[in-house]
Amino acid sequence: MTDTILVVGATGAVGAALARRCAARGARLVLVARDHARLAALAADLPGSLAVPADATDPAALRAAVAAAGPSVAGLAYCVGSIALKPLKRATEADFLDAFRLNALGAALAVQAAQDALAAARGSVVLFSTIAARAGFPNHTAIAAAKGAVEGLTVALAAELAPVRVNCIAPSLTRSAMAAPLIGNPQMAEAIAKQHPIPRLGEGEDSAALADFLLSDAAGWITGQVMAVDGGRSTVRTRG
């Protein structure tokens, strides 16, 4: 039977790259995103995929989208995120709540909606954090707090849902529409790239490759892990 893979946030850099990888290995794809036009274009490139427009912050729409995947889901990837950068003095209650709602609560609701279908397939879940949740960067209080919650959610779900596997990927800055304000300036992009021992910015394909592995049977004995895809930035110090 063909595996069903559900990708929430399918039109982002990582989500789209992951969808293409899963399609290449013959998975049936259910693609969820809020941008109708971009979602339709992606689905058109992946014959046999099902496009379900939904906003991850709308619980009812998210549940309906997950239900469209059917009674057996081999993989769920919640490739949704935000970059909300403000110093603490300027961060508002809404900034913290919005970041939590999109990154952590949306992930929890997506898994909750798919829980029975994941159990039926003994499936796998991949969530997304950021290296800022552990490394510590200025102006990241709201997003680091929200993504830290995602990491806690990962290990809690791995315990509660076993043998369904639940893992988390923590990327460094990755080229995407979301990151454009930070890397649109070539000089700034180059400066950030040089902060990585492997001196470049991340690409959607970098995280998608690991996500595809974690969703596959090849990662059948891996659960409860938070894995960095960050060019070594979180752990490696270079000379100079």
C-alpha atoms as a PDB file:
ATOM      1  CA  MET A   1       0.000   0.000   0.000  1.00  0.00           C
ATOM      2  CA  THR A   2       1.274   3.484  -0.857  1.00  0.00           C
ATOM      3  CA  ASP A   3       2.296   5.540   2.162  1.00  0.00           C
ATOM      4  CA  THR A   4       0.399   8.764   2.801  1.00  0.00           C
ATOM      5  CA  ILE A   5       2.574  11.702   3.817  1.00  0.00           C
ATOM      6  CA  LEU A   6       0.960  14.866   5.150  1.00  0.00           C
ATOM      7  CA  VAL A   7       2.998  18.052   4.748  1.00  0.00           C
ATOM      8  CA  VAL A   8       1.676  21.088   6.608  1.00  0.00           C
ATOM      9  CA  GLY A   9       3.346  24.262   5.381  1.00  0.00           C
ATOM     10  CA  ALA A  10       3.951  22.650   2.011  1.00  0.00           C
ATOM     11  CA  THR A  11       4.625  25.850   0.075  1.00  0.00           C
ATOM     12  CA  GLY A  12       7.603  26.977   2.153  1.00  0.00           C
ATOM     13  CA  ALA A  13      11.200  26.303   1.148  1.00  0.00           C
ATOM     14  CA  VAL A  14      11.503  23.200   3.334  1.00  0.00           C
ATOM     15  CA  GLY A  15       7.944  21.951   2.869  1.00  0.00           C
ATOM     16  CA  ALA A  16       8.097  22.109  -0.929  1.00  0.00           C
ATOM     17  CA  ALA A  17      11.497  20.407  -1.053  1.00  0.00           C
ATOM     18  CA  LEU A  18      10.243  17.685   1.285  1.00  0.00           C
ATOM     19  CA  ALA A  19       7.086  17.167  -0.773  1.00  0.00           C
ATOM     20  CA  ARG A  20       9.156  16.640  -3.913  1.00  0.00           C
ATOM     21  CA  ARG A  21      11.415  14.150  -2.131  1.00  0.00           C
ATOM     22  CA  CYS A  22       8.476  12.150  -0.782  1.00  0.00           C
ATOM     23  CA  ALA A  23       6.810  12.160  -4.200  1.00  0.00           C
ATOM     24  CA  ALA A  24      10.005  10.853  -5.770  1.00  0.00           C
ATOM     25  CA  ARG A  25       9.866   7.768  -3.544  1.00  0.00           C
ATOM     26  CA  GLY A  26       6.245   7.118  -4.453  1.00  0.00           C
ATOM     27  CA  ALA A  27       4.380   8.495  -1.454  1.00  0.00           C
ATOM     28  CA  ARG A  28       0.833   9.781  -1.702  1.00  0.00           C
ATOM     29  CA  LEU A  29       0.999  13.430  -0.687  1.00  0.00           C
ATOM     30  CA  VAL A  30      -1.519  15.583   1.133  1.00  0.00           C
ATOM     31  CA  LEU A  31      -0.287  19.165   0.904  1.00  0.00           C
ATOM     32  CA  VAL A  32      -1.557  21.790   3.329  1.00  0.00           C
ATOM     33  CA  ALA A  33      -0.852  25.531   3.183  1.00  0.00           C
ATOM     34  CA  ARG A  34      -2.756  28.795   3.381  1.00  0.00           C
ATOM     35  CA  ASP A  35      -1.610  30.300   0.053  1.00  0.00           C
ATOM     36  CA  HIS A  36      -4.097  28.827  -2.405  1.00  0.00           C
ATOM     37  CA  ALA A  37      -2.243  29.833  -5.573  1.00  0.00           C
ATOM     38  CA  ARG A  38       1.162  28.555  -4.509  1.00  0.00           C
ATOM     39  CA  LEU A  39      -0.383  25.381  -3.140  1.00  0.00           C
ATOM     40  CA  ALA A  40      -2.181  24.679  -6.413  1.00  0.00           C
ATOM     41  CA  ALA A  41       1.021  25.267  -8.375  1.00  0.00           C
ATOM     42  CA  LEU A  42       2.960  22.837  -6.178  1.00  0.00           C
ATOM     43  CA  ALA A  43       0.255  20.189  -6.428  1.00  0.00           C
ATOM     44  CA  ALA A  44       0.241  20.556 -10.216  1.00  0.00           C
ATOM     45  CA  ASP A  45       3.951  19.686 -10.220  1.00  0.00           C
ATOM     46  CA  LEU A  46       3.312  16.572  -8.121  1.00  0.00           C
ATOM     47  CA  PRO A  47       0.718  14.435  -9.929  1.00  0.00           C
ATOM     48  CA  GLY A  48      -1.544  12.495  -7.604  1.00  0.00           C
ATOM     49  CA  SER A  49      -1.071  14.842  -4.677  1.00  0.00           C
ATOM     50  CA  LEU A  50      -4.027  16.343  -2.829  1.00  0.00           C
ATOM     51  CA  ALA A  51      -3.947  20.075  -2.098  1.00  0.00           C
ATOM     52  CA  VAL A  52      -5.933  21.207   0.945  1.00  0.00           C
ATOM     53  CA  PRO A  53      -5.855  24.956   1.671  1.00  0.00           C
ATOM     54  CA  ALA A  54      -5.837  25.627   5.411  1.00  0.00           C
ATOM     55  CA  ASP A  55      -4.329  28.033   7.899  1.00  0.00           C
ATOM     56  CA  ALA A  56      -2.370  26.294  10.650  1.00  0.00           C
ATOM     57  CA  THR A  57      -3.694  28.821  13.171  1.00  0.00           C
ATOM     58  CA  ASP A  58      -7.304  27.847  12.385  1.00  0.00           C
ATOM     59  CA  PRO A  59      -7.975  24.671  14.423  1.00  0.00           C
ATOM     60  CA  ALA A  60     -11.131  23.654  12.535  1.00  0.00           C
ATOM     61  CA  ALA A  61      -9.511  24.126   9.122  1.00  0.00           C
ATOM     62  CA  LEU A  62      -6.421  22.273  10.277  1.00  0.00           C
ATOM     63  CA  ARG A  63      -8.479  19.321  11.546  1.00  0.00           C
ATOM     64  CA  ALA A  64     -10.392  19.166   8.276  1.00  0.00           C
ATOM     65  CA  ALA A  65      -7.153  19.221   6.283  1.00  0.00           C
ATOM     66  CA  VAL A  66      -5.651  16.425   8.353  1.00  0.00           C
ATOM     67  CA  ALA A  67      -8.853  14.382   8.023  1.00  0.00           C
ATOM     68  CA  ALA A  68      -8.507  14.582   4.245  1.00  0.00           C
ATOM     69  CA  ALA A  69      -5.371  12.437   4.529  1.00  0.00           C
ATOM     70  CA  GLY A  70      -7.518   9.415   5.409  1.00  0.00           C
ATOM     71  CA  PRO A  71      -7.457   6.715   8.111  1.00  0.00           C
ATOM     72  CA  SER A  72      -3.762   5.823   7.765  1.00  0.00           C
ATOM     73  CA  VAL A  73      -0.941   8.374   7.747  1.00  0.00           C
ATOM     74  CA  ALA A  74       2.631   7.136   7.524  1.00  0.00           C
ATOM     75  CA  GLY A  75       4.183  10.553   7.973  1.00  0.00           C
ATOM     76  CA  LEU A  76       3.315  14.039   9.179  1.00  0.00           C
ATOM     77  CA  ALA A  77       5.681  16.970   8.766  1.00  0.00           C
ATOM     78  CA  TYR A  78       4.732  20.299  10.326  1.00  0.00           C
ATOM     79  CA  CYS A  79       6.933  22.612   8.252  1.00  0.00           C
ATOM     80  CA  VAL A  80       5.443  25.830   9.593  1.00  0.00           C
ATOM     81  CA  GLY A  81       7.421  28.590  11.210  1.00  0.00           C
ATOM     82  CA  SER A  82       7.978  32.277  11.694  1.00  0.00           C
ATOM     83  CA  ILE A  83      10.841  34.678  12.289  1.00  0.00           C
ATOM     84  CA  ALA A  84       9.706  37.253  14.818  1.00  0.00           C
ATOM     85  CA  LEU A  85      12.775  39.257  15.807  1.00  0.00           C
ATOM     86  CA  LYS A  86      12.436  41.993  18.416  1.00  0.00           C
ATOM     87  CA  PRO A  87      14.335  43.004  21.518  1.00  0.00           C
ATOM     88  CA  LEU A  88      12.521  42.074  24.692  1.00  0.00           C
ATOM     89  CA  LYS A  89      11.715  45.720  25.467  1.00  0.00           C
ATOM     90  CA  ARG A  90       9.701  45.976  22.244  1.00  0.00           C
ATOM     91  CA  ALA A  91       8.132  42.522  22.261  1.00  0.00           C
ATOM     92  CA  THR A  92       4.422  42.518  23.020  1.00  0.00           C
ATOM     93  CA  GLU A  93       2.148  39.916  24.521  1.00  0.00           C
ATOM     94  CA  ALA A  94       0.720  39.430  21.032  1.00  0.00           C
ATOM     95  CA  ASP A  95       4.205  38.718  19.643  1.00  0.00           C
ATOM     96  CA  PHE A  96       4.703  35.884  22.114  1.00  0.00           C
ATOM     97  CA  LEU A  97       1.199  34.479  21.699  1.00  0.00           C
ATOM     98  CA  ASP A  98       1.302  34.631  17.895  1.00  0.00           C
ATOM     99  CA  ALA A  99       4.666  32.850  17.789  1.00  0.00           C
ATOM    100  CA  PHE A 100       3.449  30.160  20.180  1.00  0.00           C
ATOM    101  CA  ARG A 101       0.143  29.689  18.358  1.00  0.00           C
ATOM    102  CA  LEU A 102       1.749  29.211  14.954  1.00  0.00           C
ATOM    103  CA  ASN A 103       4.817  27.201  15.903  1.00  0.00           C
ATOM    104  CA  ALA A 104       3.859  25.108  18.935  1.00  0.00           C
ATOM    105  CA  LEU A 105       0.076  25.022  19.237  1.00  0.00           C
ATOM    106  CA  GLY A 106      -0.397  24.448  15.504  1.00  0.00           C
ATOM    107  CA  ALA A 107       2.033  21.537  15.635  1.00  0.00           C
ATOM    108  CA  ALA A 108       0.247  20.014  18.625  1.00  0.00           C
ATOM    109  CA  LEU A 109      -3.172  20.351  16.982  1.00  0.00           C
ATOM    110  CA  ALA A 110      -1.947  18.831  13.713  1.00  0.00           C
ATOM    111  CA  VAL A 111      -0.542  15.787  15.497  1.00  0.00           C
ATOM    112  CA  GLN A 112      -3.645  15.510  17.673  1.00  0.00           C
ATOM    113  CA  ALA A 113      -5.875  15.498  14.597  1.00  0.00           C
ATOM    114  CA  ALA A 114      -3.744  12.823  12.915  1.00  0.00           C
ATOM    115  CA  GLN A 115      -3.022  10.748  16.026  1.00  0.00           C
ATOM    116  CA  ASP A 116      -5.272   7.793  15.202  1.00  0.00           C
ATOM    117  CA  ALA A 117      -4.196   7.734  11.550  1.00  0.00           C
ATOM    118  CA  LEU A 118      -0.528   7.842  12.580  1.00  0.00           C
ATOM    119  CA  ALA A 119      -1.082   5.010  15.061  1.00  0.00           C
ATOM    120  CA  ALA A 120      -2.772   2.919  12.373  1.00  0.00           C
ATOM    121  CA  ALA A 121       0.349   3.198  10.206  1.00  0.00           C
ATOM    122  CA  ARG A 122       2.904   3.162  13.074  1.00  0.00           C
ATOM    123  CA  GLY A 123       3.963   6.388  11.412  1.00  0.00           C
ATOM    124  CA  SER A 124       6.444   9.181  11.961  1.00  0.00           C
ATOM    125  CA  VAL A 125       6.173  12.885  12.833  1.00  0.00           C
ATOM    126  CA  VAL A 126       8.710  15.603  12.072  1.00  0.00           C
ATOM    127  CA  LEU A 127       8.447  19.014  13.725  1.00  0.00           C
ATOM    128  CA  PHE A 128      10.670  22.070  13.283  1.00  0.00           C
ATOM    129  CA  SER A 129      12.514  24.197  15.828  1.00  0.00           C
ATOM    130  CA  THR A 130      15.489  26.536  15.369  1.00  0.00           C
ATOM    131  CA  ILE A 131      19.030  26.574  16.674  1.00  0.00           C
ATOM    132  CA  ALA A 132      18.076  29.810  18.468  1.00  0.00           C
ATOM    133  CA  ALA A 133      16.049  27.749  20.941  1.00  0.00           C
ATOM    134  CA  ARG A 134      19.320  26.431  22.400  1.00  0.00           C
ATOM    135  CA  ALA A 135      22.188  28.569  21.129  1.00  0.00           C
ATOM    136  CA  GLY A 136      20.831  31.912  22.314  1.00  0.00           C
ATOM    137  CA  PHE A 137      20.743  34.970  20.031  1.00  0.00           C
ATOM    138  CA  PRO A 138      19.692  38.542  20.819  1.00  0.00           C
ATOM    139  CA  ASN A 139      16.215  39.664  19.681  1.00  0.00           C
ATOM    140  CA  HIS A 140      14.930  36.065  19.520  1.00  0.00           C
ATOM    141  CA  THR A 141      12.934  35.921  22.772  1.00  0.00           C
ATOM    142  CA  ALA A 142       9.488  35.322  21.244  1.00  0.00           C
ATOM    143  CA  ILE A 143      10.520  32.838  18.578  1.00  0.00           C
ATOM    144  CA  ALA A 144      13.053  31.030  20.783  1.00  0.00           C
ATOM    145  CA  ALA A 145      10.409  30.583  23.488  1.00  0.00           C
ATOM    146  CA  ALA A 146       7.928  29.205  20.957  1.00  0.00           C
ATOM    147  CA  LYS A 147      10.422  26.869  19.326  1.00  0.00           C
ATOM    148  CA  GLY A 148      11.655  25.745  22.733  1.00  0.00           C
ATOM    149  CA  ALA A 149       8.070  24.660  23.322  1.00  0.00           C
ATOM    150  CA  VAL A 150       8.209  22.674  20.075  1.00  0.00           C
ATOM    151  CA  GLU A 151      11.264  20.811  21.346  1.00  0.00           C
ATOM    152  CA  GLY A 152       9.478  19.995  24.601  1.00  0.00           C
ATOM    153  CA  LEU A 153       6.433  18.906  22.622  1.00  0.00           C
ATOM    154  CA  THR A 154       8.638  16.605  20.552  1.00  0.00           C
ATOM    155  CA  VAL A 155       9.929  14.556  23.453  1.00  0.00           C
ATOM    156  CA  ALA A 156       6.539  14.495  25.193  1.00  0.00           C
ATOM    157  CA  LEU A 157       4.814  13.208  22.060  1.00  0.00           C
ATOM    158  CA  ALA A 158       7.573  10.679  21.419  1.00  0.00           C
ATOM    159  CA  ALA A 159       6.826   9.206  24.847  1.00  0.00           C
ATOM    160  CA  GLU A 160       3.042   9.397  24.616  1.00  0.00           C
ATOM    161  CA  LEU A 161       2.553   8.224  21.030  1.00  0.00           C
ATOM    162  CA  ALA A 162       5.154   5.447  20.814  1.00  0.00           C
ATOM    163  CA  PRO A 163       5.601   3.405  18.675  1.00  0.00           C
ATOM    164  CA  VAL A 164       4.755   6.411  16.475  1.00  0.00           C
ATOM    165  CA  ARG A 165       8.096   8.173  16.091  1.00  0.00           C
ATOM    166  CA  VAL A 166       8.387  11.913  16.763  1.00  0.00           C
ATOM    167  CA  ASN A 167      11.512  13.929  15.985  1.00  0.00           C
ATOM    168  CA  CYS A 168      12.441  17.571  15.508  1.00  0.00           C
ATOM    169  CA  ILE A 169      14.793  19.423  13.172  1.00  0.00           C
ATOM    170  CA  ALA A 170      16.462  22.655  14.307  1.00  0.00           C
ATOM    171  CA  PRO A 171      17.830  24.573  11.308  1.00  0.00           C
ATOM    172  CA  SER A 172      19.944  27.672  11.179  1.00  0.00           C
ATOM    173  CA  LEU A 173      18.941  30.536   8.874  1.00  0.00           C
ATOM    174  CA  THR A 174      17.640  29.077   5.625  1.00  0.00           C
ATOM    175  CA  ARG A 175      16.968  30.804   2.317  1.00  0.00           C
ATOM    176  CA  SER A 176      13.213  31.300   2.081  1.00  0.00           C
ATOM    177  CA  ALA A 177      10.597  33.959   1.523  1.00  0.00           C
ATOM    178  CA  MET A 178      10.233  34.174   5.298  1.00  0.00           C
ATOM    179  CA  ALA A 179      13.948  34.936   5.716  1.00  0.00           C
ATOM    180  CA  ALA A 180      14.088  37.461   2.864  1.00  0.00           C
ATOM    181  CA  PRO A 181      14.123  40.536   5.160  1.00  0.00           C
ATOM    182  CA  LEU A 182      17.276  39.189   6.816  1.00  0.00           C
ATOM    183  CA  ILE A 183      19.166  38.011   3.743  1.00  0.00           C
ATOM    184  CA  GLY A 184      17.844  40.257   0.995  1.00  0.00           C
ATOM    185  CA  ASN A 185      20.908  42.452   1.435  1.00  0.00           C
ATOM    186  CA  PRO A 186      23.876  40.569  -0.121  1.00  0.00           C
ATOM    187  CA  GLN A 187      26.357  41.968   2.394  1.00  0.00           C
ATOM    188  CA  MET A 188      24.184  40.898   5.316  1.00  0.00           C
ATOM    189  CA  ALA A 189      23.630  37.464   3.799  1.00  0.00           C
ATOM    190  CA  GLU A 190      27.373  37.009   3.347  1.00  0.00           C
ATOM    191  CA  ALA A 191      28.082  38.098   6.922  1.00  0.00           C
ATOM    192  CA  ILE A 192      25.556  35.627   8.330  1.00  0.00           C
ATOM    193  CA  ALA A 193      26.865  32.843   6.095  1.00  0.00           C
ATOM    194  CA  LYS A 194      30.377  33.383   7.456  1.00  0.00           C
ATOM    195  CA  GLN A 195      29.123  32.741  11.005  1.00  0.00           C
ATOM    196  CA  HIS A 196      28.743  29.074  10.075  1.00  0.00           C
ATOM    197  CA  PRO A 197      31.716  26.675  10.055  1.00  0.00           C
ATOM    198  CA  ILE A 198      30.363  25.523   6.702  1.00  0.00           C
ATOM    199  CA  PRO A 199      30.183  29.096   5.421  1.00  0.00           C
ATOM    200  CA  ARG A 200      26.878  29.333   3.641  1.00  0.00           C
ATOM    201  CA  LEU A 201      23.212  29.806   4.414  1.00  0.00           C
ATOM    202  CA  GLY A 202      20.912  26.846   4.637  1.00  0.00           C
ATOM    203  CA  GLU A 203      18.770  25.735   1.718  1.00  0.00           C
ATOM    204  CA  GLY A 204      15.331  24.176   1.970  1.00  0.00           C
ATOM    205  CA  GLU A 205      16.796  20.959   0.621  1.00  0.00           C
ATOM    206  CA  ASP A 206      19.176  20.669   3.605  1.00  0.00           C
ATOM    207  CA  SER A 207      16.389  20.254   6.146  1.00  0.00           C
ATOM    208  CA  ALA A 208      14.123  18.417   3.706  1.00  0.00           C
ATOM    209  CA  ALA A 209      16.728  15.692   3.231  1.00  0.00           C
ATOM    210  CA  LEU A 210      16.806  14.964   6.964  1.00  0.00           C
ATOM    211  CA  ALA A 211      13.021  15.217   7.269  1.00  0.00           C
ATOM    212  CA  ASP A 212      12.563  12.736   4.434  1.00  0.00           C
ATOM    213  CA  PHE A 213      14.932  10.307   6.175  1.00  0.00           C
ATOM    214  CA  LEU A 214      13.142  10.690   9.524  1.00  0.00           C
ATOM    215  CA  LEU A 215       9.786  10.019   7.878  1.00  0.00           C
ATOM    216  CA  SER A 216      11.111   6.887   6.202  1.00  0.00           C
ATOM    217  CA  ASP A 217      11.495   3.341   7.494  1.00  0.00           C
ATOM    218  CA  ALA A 218      15.261   3.846   7.393  1.00  0.00           C
ATOM    219  CA  ALA A 219      14.883   5.908  10.595  1.00  0.00           C
ATOM    220  CA  GLY A 220      12.761   3.238  12.267  1.00  0.00           C
ATOM    221  CA  TRP A 221      14.703   3.270  15.567  1.00  0.00           C
ATOM    222  CA  ILE A 222      15.007   7.048  15.970  1.00  0.00           C
ATOM    223  CA  THR A 223      12.534   8.992  18.106  1.00  0.00           C
ATOM    224  CA  GLY A 224      12.477  11.844  20.600  1.00  0.00           C
ATOM    225  CA  GLN A 225      15.470  13.592  19.007  1.00  0.00           C
ATOM    226  CA  VAL A 226      16.166  17.233  18.182  1.00  0.00           C
ATOM    227  CA  MET A 227      18.654  17.362  15.319  1.00  0.00           C
ATOM    228  CA  ALA A 228      20.451  20.479  14.114  1.00  0.00           C
ATOM    229  CA  VAL A 229      20.832  21.259  10.415  1.00  0.00           C
ATOM    230  CA  ASP A 230      22.934  24.355  10.837  1.00  0.00           C
ATOM    231  CA  GLY A 231      26.325  24.135   9.159  1.00  0.00           C
ATOM    232  CA  GLY A 232      27.835  23.509  12.591  1.00  0.00           C
ATOM    233  CA  ARG A 233      26.844  26.907  13.949  1.00  0.00           C
ATOM    234  CA  SER A 234      25.333  25.676  17.202  1.00  0.00           C
ATOM    235  CA  THR A 235      28.265  23.516  18.280  1.00  0.00           C
ATOM    236  CA  VAL A 236      31.430  24.158  16.283  1.00  0.00           C
ATOM    237  CA  ARG A 237      33.803  27.066  16.788  1.00  0.00           C
ATOM    238  CA  THR A 238      36.271  27.957  14.064  1.00  0.00           C
ATOM    239  CA  ARG A 239      39.463  29.990  14.156  1.00  0.00           C
ATOM    240  CA  GLY A 240      39.284  33.699  13.562  1.00  0.00           C
END
